Amino acid sequence: MKRIIKHLALLCLIASSAIVTARESPPRHEEAVLSLKNGRLIGLPKEYSPASFDLKKLSLSIGKKKLVFPNSLRELLMYDASDSPFGNEPPQMKPYPYTYIFEGAWGDLPRDIPPHILITVVRPKNKNAIFKLLIDMDKLELIYADLIVEGVGRVPIALDRLAYGRAPNDLDRVPNSPKKQ
C-alpha cells in the first residue's frame, strides 16, 4: 500500500512539473527550409498556407495575397544576355535557370523582425554572385533585396528605386545632373 502511495505521489509530482514547465516555456520561434513542388511552397504553417511561387512571372502568393516582383528586379532575375552578347538584339526576358532556395521563419520572433521568407537565388554559371530577397509574410512586401558578390560583399538593391508597376526602362527618377550641396 505504501508503495502504491509513493508511486501515485511521484506520478502527481511529475505531472505537476510538466504542467508548470509547459506554462513557463516561451512561445516558439520556428525556421524551416521550404520546398517548391509544382509551384507550391511546402513547409509553412497553416496561417501562411496555401503559398505558391511562380517562376515564370516571378510572383509569390500567400493565402489571398499576391506579390509580383517589380519590373526592375524581374530584369535582374530574368535577363539572359547570352542570346545577345554584343547588344545587337534586345535581351530576352525569360525564366533564367537559376536555383531558388526558400527559407521561412515565423512564431516568436524579435519585435522588429516580421514572419518572413528568405529567397536565395543562385546563378548556375556564376556562383560567386547570389541574390537574397527577404519578404514579409504578413504584409507580403519586399523588406530587402541584395546582390552578394564573393570578394566584394553585400550590394543592396534600392527598393525605393525599383519600378513597381512601371515600364522597365523608366528612368524619370534619375536626375540629369548631380545635385549641388
N, C-alpha and C. Protein backbone atom coordinates (compact mmCIF):
# COMPACT_ATOMS: atom_id res chain seq x y z
N MET A 1 0.82 -1.19 0.00
CA MET A 1 0.00 0.00 0.00
C MET A 1 0.86 1.26 0.00
N LYS A 2 1.92 1.24 0.86
CA LYS A 2 2.82 2.38 0.91
C LYS A 2 3.51 2.58 -0.44
N ARG A 3 3.78 1.46 -1.08
CA ARG A 3 4.45 1.52 -2.38
C ARG A 3 3.53 2.19 -3.42
N ILE A 4 2.26 1.88 -3.40
CA ILE A 4 1.30 2.47 -4.34
C ILE A 4 1.18 3.97 -4.07
N ILE A 5 1.15 4.36 -2.82
CA ILE A 5 1.04 5.78 -2.47
C ILE A 5 2.28 6.53 -2.95
N LYS A 6 3.46 5.92 -2.78
CA LYS A 6 4.69 6.56 -3.25
C LYS A 6 4.67 6.74 -4.77
N HIS A 7 4.19 5.72 -5.49
CA HIS A 7 4.12 5.82 -6.95
C HIS A 7 3.12 6.88 -7.39
N LEU A 8 1.98 6.95 -6.70
CA LEU A 8 0.98 7.98 -7.03
C LEU A 8 1.53 9.37 -6.75
N ALA A 9 2.24 9.53 -5.63
CA ALA A 9 2.83 10.82 -5.28
C ALA A 9 3.87 11.22 -6.33
N LEU A 10 4.68 10.27 -6.74
CA LEU A 10 5.69 10.53 -7.76
C LEU A 10 5.04 10.90 -9.10
N LEU A 11 3.99 10.20 -9.46
CA LEU A 11 3.27 10.48 -10.69
C LEU A 11 2.65 11.89 -10.66
N CYS A 12 2.07 12.27 -9.51
CA CYS A 12 1.50 13.62 -9.36
C CYS A 12 2.58 14.69 -9.46
N LEU A 13 3.73 14.42 -8.88
CA LEU A 13 4.84 15.36 -8.92
C LEU A 13 5.32 15.56 -10.35
N ILE A 14 5.45 14.48 -11.10
CA ILE A 14 5.89 14.55 -12.50
C ILE A 14 4.85 15.30 -13.33
N ALA A 15 3.58 15.00 -13.15
CA ALA A 15 2.51 15.66 -13.91
C ALA A 15 2.46 17.16 -13.60
N SER A 16 2.59 17.55 -12.33
CA SER A 16 2.53 18.97 -11.98
C SER A 16 3.75 19.72 -12.51
N SER A 17 4.93 19.09 -12.49
CA SER A 17 6.11 19.77 -13.03
C SER A 17 6.00 19.92 -14.54
N ALA A 18 5.38 18.96 -15.21
CA ALA A 18 5.18 19.06 -16.66
C ALA A 18 4.23 20.20 -16.98
N ILE A 19 3.19 20.39 -16.18
CA ILE A 19 2.23 21.48 -16.41
C ILE A 19 2.91 22.82 -16.18
N VAL A 20 3.70 22.95 -15.10
CA VAL A 20 4.41 24.20 -14.82
C VAL A 20 5.40 24.50 -15.93
N THR A 21 6.14 23.50 -16.39
CA THR A 21 7.11 23.69 -17.47
C THR A 21 6.43 24.13 -18.74
N ALA A 22 5.29 23.55 -19.06
CA ALA A 22 4.55 23.93 -20.27
C ALA A 22 4.08 25.37 -20.19
N ARG A 23 3.65 25.81 -19.01
CA ARG A 23 3.20 27.19 -18.84
C ARG A 23 4.36 28.17 -18.93
N GLU A 24 5.53 27.78 -18.43
CA GLU A 24 6.67 28.68 -18.40
C GLU A 24 7.46 28.71 -19.71
N SER A 25 7.26 27.73 -20.57
CA SER A 25 8.05 27.70 -21.79
C SER A 25 7.61 28.84 -22.71
N PRO A 26 8.58 29.56 -23.26
CA PRO A 26 8.24 30.69 -24.12
C PRO A 26 7.64 30.23 -25.44
N PRO A 27 6.91 31.12 -26.13
CA PRO A 27 6.40 30.77 -27.45
C PRO A 27 7.57 30.41 -28.37
N ARG A 28 7.30 29.56 -29.32
CA ARG A 28 8.37 29.03 -30.15
C ARG A 28 8.63 29.87 -31.40
N HIS A 29 9.89 30.01 -31.69
CA HIS A 29 10.35 30.61 -32.94
C HIS A 29 10.66 29.43 -33.86
N GLU A 30 10.13 29.45 -35.06
CA GLU A 30 10.35 28.32 -35.95
C GLU A 30 10.98 28.80 -37.25
N GLU A 31 11.88 27.99 -37.76
CA GLU A 31 12.52 28.22 -39.05
C GLU A 31 12.47 26.92 -39.84
N ALA A 32 12.36 27.04 -41.16
CA ALA A 32 12.31 25.83 -41.98
C ALA A 32 12.82 26.14 -43.38
N VAL A 33 13.46 25.17 -43.97
CA VAL A 33 13.77 25.23 -45.39
C VAL A 33 12.50 24.76 -46.10
N LEU A 34 12.02 25.55 -47.01
CA LEU A 34 10.77 25.25 -47.71
C LEU A 34 11.09 24.58 -49.03
N SER A 35 10.19 23.78 -49.52
CA SER A 35 10.39 23.16 -50.83
C SER A 35 9.35 23.68 -51.81
N LEU A 36 9.75 23.76 -53.06
CA LEU A 36 8.86 24.21 -54.13
C LEU A 36 8.52 23.00 -54.98
N LYS A 37 7.25 22.61 -54.96
CA LYS A 37 6.79 21.46 -55.74
C LYS A 37 5.60 21.88 -56.59
N ASN A 38 5.79 21.82 -57.90
CA ASN A 38 4.74 22.21 -58.84
C ASN A 38 4.20 23.61 -58.55
N GLY A 39 5.09 24.53 -58.19
CA GLY A 39 4.70 25.90 -57.93
C GLY A 39 4.21 26.17 -56.52
N ARG A 40 4.03 25.15 -55.70
CA ARG A 40 3.52 25.32 -54.34
C ARG A 40 4.68 25.28 -53.35
N LEU A 41 4.66 26.21 -52.39
CA LEU A 41 5.66 26.21 -51.32
C LEU A 41 5.17 25.32 -50.20
N ILE A 42 5.99 24.34 -49.86
CA ILE A 42 5.64 23.35 -48.84
C ILE A 42 6.50 23.59 -47.61
N GLY A 43 5.86 23.58 -46.42
CA GLY A 43 6.60 23.69 -45.17
C GLY A 43 6.20 24.87 -44.30
N LEU A 44 5.27 25.68 -44.76
CA LEU A 44 4.80 26.82 -43.97
C LEU A 44 3.66 26.40 -43.05
N PRO A 45 3.47 27.12 -41.94
CA PRO A 45 2.34 26.79 -41.06
C PRO A 45 1.00 27.15 -41.72
N LYS A 46 -0.08 26.68 -41.12
CA LYS A 46 -1.42 26.86 -41.70
C LYS A 46 -1.77 28.32 -41.96
N GLU A 47 -1.35 29.23 -41.06
CA GLU A 47 -1.74 30.64 -41.25
C GLU A 47 -1.08 31.28 -42.47
N TYR A 48 -0.07 30.64 -43.04
CA TYR A 48 0.58 31.15 -44.25
C TYR A 48 0.41 30.18 -45.42
N SER A 49 -0.65 29.44 -45.40
CA SER A 49 -0.92 28.48 -46.47
C SER A 49 -2.30 28.77 -47.05
N PRO A 50 -2.53 28.45 -48.29
CA PRO A 50 -1.59 27.91 -49.24
C PRO A 50 -0.62 29.00 -49.72
N ALA A 51 0.57 28.59 -50.13
CA ALA A 51 1.58 29.51 -50.64
C ALA A 51 2.13 28.94 -51.94
N SER A 52 2.44 29.85 -52.87
CA SER A 52 2.98 29.40 -54.15
C SER A 52 3.96 30.43 -54.69
N PHE A 53 4.85 29.99 -55.55
CA PHE A 53 5.83 30.86 -56.21
C PHE A 53 5.82 30.52 -57.69
N ASP A 54 5.59 31.52 -58.52
CA ASP A 54 5.54 31.35 -59.96
C ASP A 54 6.89 31.78 -60.55
N LEU A 55 7.66 30.83 -61.06
CA LEU A 55 8.99 31.13 -61.60
C LEU A 55 8.92 31.91 -62.91
N LYS A 56 7.86 31.75 -63.67
CA LYS A 56 7.75 32.45 -64.96
C LYS A 56 7.35 33.91 -64.78
N LYS A 57 6.47 34.18 -63.84
CA LYS A 57 6.01 35.55 -63.61
C LYS A 57 6.73 36.22 -62.45
N LEU A 58 7.54 35.46 -61.73
CA LEU A 58 8.22 35.91 -60.52
C LEU A 58 7.22 36.57 -59.57
N SER A 59 6.32 35.76 -59.08
CA SER A 59 5.33 36.24 -58.12
C SER A 59 5.18 35.23 -56.99
N LEU A 60 4.89 35.75 -55.81
CA LEU A 60 4.70 34.95 -54.61
C LEU A 60 3.29 35.17 -54.12
N SER A 61 2.57 34.09 -53.83
CA SER A 61 1.22 34.18 -53.27
C SER A 61 1.19 33.46 -51.93
N ILE A 62 0.60 34.14 -50.93
CA ILE A 62 0.38 33.53 -49.62
C ILE A 62 -1.06 33.82 -49.25
N GLY A 63 -1.83 32.77 -49.09
CA GLY A 63 -3.26 32.95 -48.82
C GLY A 63 -3.90 33.68 -49.98
N LYS A 64 -4.57 34.79 -49.69
CA LYS A 64 -5.23 35.57 -50.73
C LYS A 64 -4.38 36.74 -51.23
N LYS A 65 -3.18 36.90 -50.67
CA LYS A 65 -2.30 38.00 -51.07
C LYS A 65 -1.33 37.54 -52.14
N LYS A 66 -0.94 38.50 -53.00
CA LYS A 66 0.00 38.17 -54.07
C LYS A 66 1.01 39.31 -54.23
N LEU A 67 2.27 38.95 -54.35
CA LEU A 67 3.35 39.90 -54.59
C LEU A 67 3.96 39.57 -55.94
N VAL A 68 3.85 40.51 -56.89
CA VAL A 68 4.53 40.37 -58.17
C VAL A 68 5.79 41.21 -58.07
N PHE A 69 6.93 40.60 -58.32
CA PHE A 69 8.18 41.34 -58.18
C PHE A 69 8.20 42.51 -59.15
N PRO A 70 8.78 43.65 -58.73
CA PRO A 70 8.84 44.83 -59.60
C PRO A 70 9.64 44.53 -60.86
N ASN A 71 9.34 45.28 -61.93
CA ASN A 71 9.99 45.05 -63.21
C ASN A 71 11.51 45.12 -63.11
N SER A 72 12.04 46.07 -62.36
CA SER A 72 13.50 46.21 -62.26
C SER A 72 14.12 44.97 -61.65
N LEU A 73 13.50 44.40 -60.63
CA LEU A 73 14.02 43.19 -60.01
C LEU A 73 13.82 41.99 -60.94
N ARG A 74 12.71 41.98 -61.64
CA ARG A 74 12.47 40.91 -62.60
C ARG A 74 13.54 40.93 -63.69
N GLU A 75 13.95 42.13 -64.12
CA GLU A 75 15.01 42.22 -65.13
C GLU A 75 16.30 41.59 -64.61
N LEU A 76 16.63 41.83 -63.36
CA LEU A 76 17.85 41.26 -62.79
C LEU A 76 17.78 39.73 -62.75
N LEU A 77 16.61 39.21 -62.44
CA LEU A 77 16.47 37.77 -62.26
C LEU A 77 16.08 37.02 -63.54
N MET A 78 15.67 37.75 -64.58
CA MET A 78 15.21 37.07 -65.79
C MET A 78 15.99 37.47 -67.03
N TYR A 79 16.91 38.40 -66.92
CA TYR A 79 17.66 38.86 -68.07
C TYR A 79 18.67 37.80 -68.49
N ASP A 80 18.64 37.44 -69.75
CA ASP A 80 19.57 36.46 -70.28
C ASP A 80 20.36 37.10 -71.42
N ALA A 81 21.58 37.56 -71.10
CA ALA A 81 22.40 38.24 -72.09
C ALA A 81 23.08 37.26 -73.04
N SER A 82 23.01 35.98 -72.78
CA SER A 82 23.71 35.00 -73.62
C SER A 82 23.18 34.97 -75.05
N ASP A 83 21.93 35.40 -75.26
CA ASP A 83 21.36 35.41 -76.61
C ASP A 83 21.90 36.57 -77.45
N SER A 84 22.41 37.60 -76.79
CA SER A 84 22.85 38.79 -77.49
C SER A 84 24.15 39.30 -76.87
N PRO A 85 25.27 38.63 -77.10
CA PRO A 85 26.50 39.03 -76.42
C PRO A 85 27.02 40.40 -76.82
N PHE A 86 26.66 40.92 -78.01
CA PHE A 86 27.18 42.22 -78.45
C PHE A 86 26.12 43.31 -78.42
N GLY A 87 24.98 43.03 -77.87
CA GLY A 87 23.93 44.04 -77.75
C GLY A 87 23.22 44.34 -79.06
N ASN A 88 23.34 43.48 -80.06
CA ASN A 88 22.68 43.72 -81.34
C ASN A 88 21.19 43.45 -81.28
N GLU A 89 20.78 42.60 -80.38
CA GLU A 89 19.37 42.24 -80.25
C GLU A 89 18.91 42.59 -78.84
N PRO A 90 17.61 42.84 -78.68
CA PRO A 90 17.12 43.12 -77.31
C PRO A 90 17.30 41.90 -76.42
N PRO A 91 17.53 42.13 -75.13
CA PRO A 91 17.70 40.99 -74.21
C PRO A 91 16.42 40.18 -74.11
N GLN A 92 16.59 38.91 -73.87
CA GLN A 92 15.46 38.02 -73.72
C GLN A 92 15.00 38.03 -72.26
N MET A 93 13.71 38.28 -72.06
CA MET A 93 13.14 38.19 -70.72
C MET A 93 12.47 36.84 -70.61
N LYS A 94 13.13 35.91 -69.96
CA LYS A 94 12.58 34.57 -69.82
C LYS A 94 13.07 34.00 -68.49
N PRO A 95 12.37 33.03 -67.98
CA PRO A 95 12.83 32.43 -66.73
C PRO A 95 14.24 31.87 -66.91
N TYR A 96 15.18 32.45 -66.23
CA TYR A 96 16.57 32.03 -66.32
C TYR A 96 16.76 30.83 -65.40
N PRO A 97 17.58 29.89 -65.77
CA PRO A 97 17.70 28.66 -64.97
C PRO A 97 18.50 28.84 -63.67
N TYR A 98 18.01 29.72 -62.82
CA TYR A 98 18.63 29.90 -61.51
C TYR A 98 18.15 28.81 -60.56
N THR A 99 18.87 28.64 -59.48
CA THR A 99 18.44 27.77 -58.40
C THR A 99 17.83 28.66 -57.32
N TYR A 100 16.62 28.34 -56.92
CA TYR A 100 15.91 29.10 -55.89
C TYR A 100 15.89 28.29 -54.60
N ILE A 101 16.32 28.91 -53.50
CA ILE A 101 16.28 28.27 -52.19
C ILE A 101 15.36 29.10 -51.32
N PHE A 102 14.36 28.47 -50.72
CA PHE A 102 13.36 29.16 -49.91
C PHE A 102 13.52 28.76 -48.44
N GLU A 103 13.56 29.76 -47.56
CA GLU A 103 13.61 29.52 -46.12
C GLU A 103 12.56 30.42 -45.47
N GLY A 104 11.94 29.93 -44.42
CA GLY A 104 10.92 30.72 -43.73
C GLY A 104 11.18 30.78 -42.24
N ALA A 105 10.72 31.85 -41.61
CA ALA A 105 10.81 32.00 -40.16
C ALA A 105 9.51 32.65 -39.68
N TRP A 106 8.96 32.13 -38.58
CA TRP A 106 7.71 32.63 -38.02
C TRP A 106 7.66 32.26 -36.55
N GLY A 107 6.61 32.66 -35.90
CA GLY A 107 6.46 32.35 -34.48
C GLY A 107 6.93 33.52 -33.63
N ASP A 108 7.59 33.23 -32.53
CA ASP A 108 8.03 34.25 -31.59
C ASP A 108 9.35 34.86 -32.06
N LEU A 109 9.27 35.81 -32.97
CA LEU A 109 10.45 36.50 -33.50
C LEU A 109 10.66 37.80 -32.72
N PRO A 110 11.86 38.35 -32.75
CA PRO A 110 12.05 39.67 -32.12
C PRO A 110 11.06 40.68 -32.70
N ARG A 111 10.73 41.69 -31.91
CA ARG A 111 9.69 42.65 -32.26
C ARG A 111 9.89 43.30 -33.63
N ASP A 112 11.13 43.59 -34.01
CA ASP A 112 11.37 44.30 -35.26
C ASP A 112 11.55 43.36 -36.47
N ILE A 113 11.39 42.07 -36.27
CA ILE A 113 11.53 41.10 -37.37
C ILE A 113 10.19 40.41 -37.59
N PRO A 114 9.56 40.65 -38.74
CA PRO A 114 8.27 40.01 -39.00
C PRO A 114 8.47 38.57 -39.48
N PRO A 115 7.41 37.77 -39.48
CA PRO A 115 7.49 36.46 -40.11
C PRO A 115 7.90 36.68 -41.57
N HIS A 116 8.84 35.88 -42.07
CA HIS A 116 9.38 36.19 -43.38
C HIS A 116 9.81 34.94 -44.15
N ILE A 117 9.99 35.17 -45.44
CA ILE A 117 10.57 34.17 -46.34
C ILE A 117 11.84 34.78 -46.91
N LEU A 118 12.92 34.03 -46.85
CA LEU A 118 14.18 34.44 -47.48
C LEU A 118 14.35 33.59 -48.73
N ILE A 119 14.45 34.26 -49.87
CA ILE A 119 14.68 33.57 -51.14
C ILE A 119 16.12 33.84 -51.56
N THR A 120 16.88 32.78 -51.71
CA THR A 120 18.25 32.89 -52.22
C THR A 120 18.24 32.40 -53.65
N VAL A 121 18.78 33.23 -54.54
CA VAL A 121 18.78 32.92 -55.97
C VAL A 121 20.24 32.77 -56.41
N VAL A 122 20.58 31.58 -56.88
CA VAL A 122 21.96 31.27 -57.26
C VAL A 122 22.03 31.09 -58.78
N ARG A 123 22.98 31.78 -59.39
CA ARG A 123 23.19 31.64 -60.83
C ARG A 123 24.01 30.39 -61.11
N PRO A 124 23.61 29.59 -62.08
CA PRO A 124 24.36 28.36 -62.33
C PRO A 124 25.75 28.60 -62.91
N LYS A 125 25.90 29.64 -63.73
CA LYS A 125 27.19 29.89 -64.38
C LYS A 125 28.11 30.76 -63.53
N ASN A 126 27.54 31.54 -62.61
CA ASN A 126 28.33 32.48 -61.84
C ASN A 126 27.94 32.34 -60.37
N LYS A 127 28.45 31.31 -59.70
CA LYS A 127 28.03 31.01 -58.34
C LYS A 127 28.67 31.91 -57.29
N ASN A 128 29.56 32.82 -57.71
CA ASN A 128 30.15 33.72 -56.74
C ASN A 128 29.32 34.99 -56.55
N ALA A 129 28.17 35.05 -57.20
CA ALA A 129 27.24 36.16 -57.01
C ALA A 129 25.84 35.58 -56.84
N ILE A 130 25.20 35.91 -55.72
CA ILE A 130 23.85 35.41 -55.45
C ILE A 130 22.94 36.57 -55.06
N PHE A 131 21.66 36.38 -55.27
CA PHE A 131 20.66 37.35 -54.83
C PHE A 131 20.01 36.83 -53.56
N LYS A 132 19.69 37.73 -52.63
CA LYS A 132 18.93 37.39 -51.43
C LYS A 132 17.74 38.35 -51.36
N LEU A 133 16.56 37.79 -51.25
CA LEU A 133 15.32 38.58 -51.17
C LEU A 133 14.60 38.22 -49.89
N LEU A 134 14.33 39.20 -49.05
CA LEU A 134 13.62 38.96 -47.80
C LEU A 134 12.22 39.54 -47.93
N ILE A 135 11.21 38.71 -47.66
CA ILE A 135 9.82 39.11 -47.88
C ILE A 135 9.02 38.93 -46.60
N ASP A 136 8.33 39.99 -46.19
CA ASP A 136 7.44 39.98 -45.03
C ASP A 136 6.21 39.15 -45.39
N MET A 137 5.96 38.07 -44.64
CA MET A 137 4.82 37.19 -44.97
C MET A 137 3.48 37.80 -44.57
N ASP A 138 3.47 38.68 -43.56
CA ASP A 138 2.19 39.28 -43.15
C ASP A 138 1.72 40.32 -44.15
N LYS A 139 2.61 41.21 -44.55
CA LYS A 139 2.26 42.28 -45.49
C LYS A 139 2.48 41.88 -46.94
N LEU A 140 3.22 40.81 -47.15
CA LEU A 140 3.64 40.35 -48.48
C LEU A 140 4.30 41.49 -49.25
N GLU A 141 5.38 42.01 -48.63
CA GLU A 141 6.18 43.09 -49.21
C GLU A 141 7.65 42.72 -49.13
N LEU A 142 8.42 43.22 -50.09
CA LEU A 142 9.87 43.04 -50.03
C LEU A 142 10.44 43.88 -48.89
N ILE A 143 11.22 43.27 -48.02
CA ILE A 143 11.91 44.00 -46.95
C ILE A 143 13.25 44.48 -47.48
N TYR A 144 13.98 43.58 -48.13
CA TYR A 144 15.21 43.98 -48.81
C TYR A 144 15.51 43.03 -49.94
N ALA A 145 16.33 43.52 -50.85
CA ALA A 145 16.85 42.72 -51.96
C ALA A 145 18.33 43.06 -52.06
N ASP A 146 19.19 42.05 -52.03
CA ASP A 146 20.63 42.25 -52.08
C ASP A 146 21.25 41.37 -53.14
N LEU A 147 22.34 41.86 -53.69
CA LEU A 147 23.24 41.05 -54.50
C LEU A 147 24.47 40.86 -53.64
N ILE A 148 24.86 39.62 -53.42
CA ILE A 148 26.03 39.33 -52.60
C ILE A 148 27.10 38.75 -53.54
N VAL A 149 28.22 39.47 -53.63
CA VAL A 149 29.29 39.10 -54.54
C VAL A 149 30.50 38.66 -53.73
N GLU A 150 30.99 37.47 -54.05
CA GLU A 150 32.16 36.93 -53.36
C GLU A 150 33.34 37.88 -53.56
N GLY A 151 34.01 38.23 -52.48
CA GLY A 151 35.16 39.12 -52.54
C GLY A 151 34.79 40.59 -52.48
N VAL A 152 33.51 40.91 -52.67
CA VAL A 152 33.05 42.29 -52.61
C VAL A 152 32.15 42.49 -51.41
N GLY A 153 31.19 41.60 -51.24
CA GLY A 153 30.25 41.69 -50.13
C GLY A 153 28.84 41.97 -50.59
N ARG A 154 28.09 42.58 -49.70
CA ARG A 154 26.66 42.84 -49.92
C ARG A 154 26.48 44.13 -50.71
N VAL A 155 25.73 44.04 -51.79
CA VAL A 155 25.38 45.22 -52.60
C VAL A 155 23.86 45.34 -52.54
N PRO A 156 23.35 46.30 -51.73
CA PRO A 156 21.89 46.43 -51.63
C PRO A 156 21.27 46.90 -52.95
N ILE A 157 20.12 46.36 -53.25
CA ILE A 157 19.33 46.80 -54.39
C ILE A 157 18.29 47.74 -53.80
N ALA A 158 18.35 49.01 -54.17
CA ALA A 158 17.48 50.02 -53.58
C ALA A 158 16.03 49.75 -53.94
N LEU A 159 15.23 49.36 -52.94
CA LEU A 159 13.82 49.04 -53.21
C LEU A 159 13.03 50.27 -53.59
N ASP A 160 13.39 51.44 -53.07
CA ASP A 160 12.63 52.64 -53.41
C ASP A 160 12.87 53.07 -54.86
N ARG A 161 13.89 52.53 -55.48
CA ARG A 161 14.16 52.86 -56.88
C ARG A 161 13.62 51.80 -57.84
N LEU A 162 13.12 50.70 -57.30
CA LEU A 162 12.56 49.69 -58.18
C LEU A 162 11.26 50.22 -58.79
N ALA A 163 11.06 49.91 -60.04
CA ALA A 163 9.91 50.45 -60.77
C ALA A 163 8.69 49.57 -60.55
N TYR A 164 8.01 49.74 -59.41
CA TYR A 164 6.79 48.97 -59.14
C TYR A 164 5.73 49.32 -60.17
N GLY A 165 5.38 48.33 -60.99
CA GLY A 165 4.29 48.52 -61.94
C GLY A 165 4.59 49.50 -63.05
N ARG A 166 5.85 49.88 -63.25
CA ARG A 166 6.18 50.85 -64.28
C ARG A 166 6.97 50.16 -65.38
N ALA A 167 7.17 50.86 -66.47
CA ALA A 167 7.94 50.31 -67.58
C ALA A 167 9.36 50.00 -67.12
N PRO A 168 9.95 48.89 -67.55
CA PRO A 168 11.27 48.51 -67.07
C PRO A 168 12.37 49.51 -67.36
N ASN A 169 12.24 50.34 -68.40
CA ASN A 169 13.28 51.29 -68.75
C ASN A 169 12.94 52.71 -68.33
N ASP A 170 11.99 52.88 -67.45
CA ASP A 170 11.57 54.19 -67.00
C ASP A 170 12.64 54.77 -66.07
N LEU A 171 13.31 55.83 -66.50
CA LEU A 171 14.39 56.42 -65.71
C LEU A 171 14.02 57.82 -65.22
N ASP A 172 12.74 58.14 -65.10
CA ASP A 172 12.38 59.50 -64.74
C ASP A 172 12.78 59.88 -63.32
N ARG A 173 13.13 58.92 -62.47
CA ARG A 173 13.58 59.25 -61.12
C ARG A 173 15.07 59.55 -61.06
N VAL A 174 15.79 59.29 -62.14
CA VAL A 174 17.23 59.51 -62.15
C VAL A 174 17.49 60.96 -62.54
N PRO A 175 18.23 61.72 -61.70
CA PRO A 175 18.48 63.13 -62.03
C PRO A 175 19.40 63.23 -63.24
N ASN A 176 19.22 64.33 -64.02
CA ASN A 176 20.05 64.55 -65.20
C ASN A 176 21.47 64.97 -64.82
N SER A 177 21.61 65.59 -63.69
CA SER A 177 22.93 66.00 -63.24
C SER A 177 22.98 65.87 -61.72
N PRO A 178 24.19 65.75 -61.15
CA PRO A 178 24.29 65.62 -59.69
C PRO A 178 23.77 66.85 -58.98
N LYS A 179 23.17 66.65 -57.83
CA LYS A 179 22.68 67.78 -57.04
C LYS A 179 23.84 68.50 -56.40
N LYS A 180 23.76 69.84 -56.38
CA LYS A 180 24.79 70.63 -55.71
C LYS A 180 24.44 70.76 -54.25
N GLN A 181 25.42 70.61 -53.41
CA GLN A 181 25.19 70.67 -51.96
C GLN A 181 25.37 72.06 -51.43
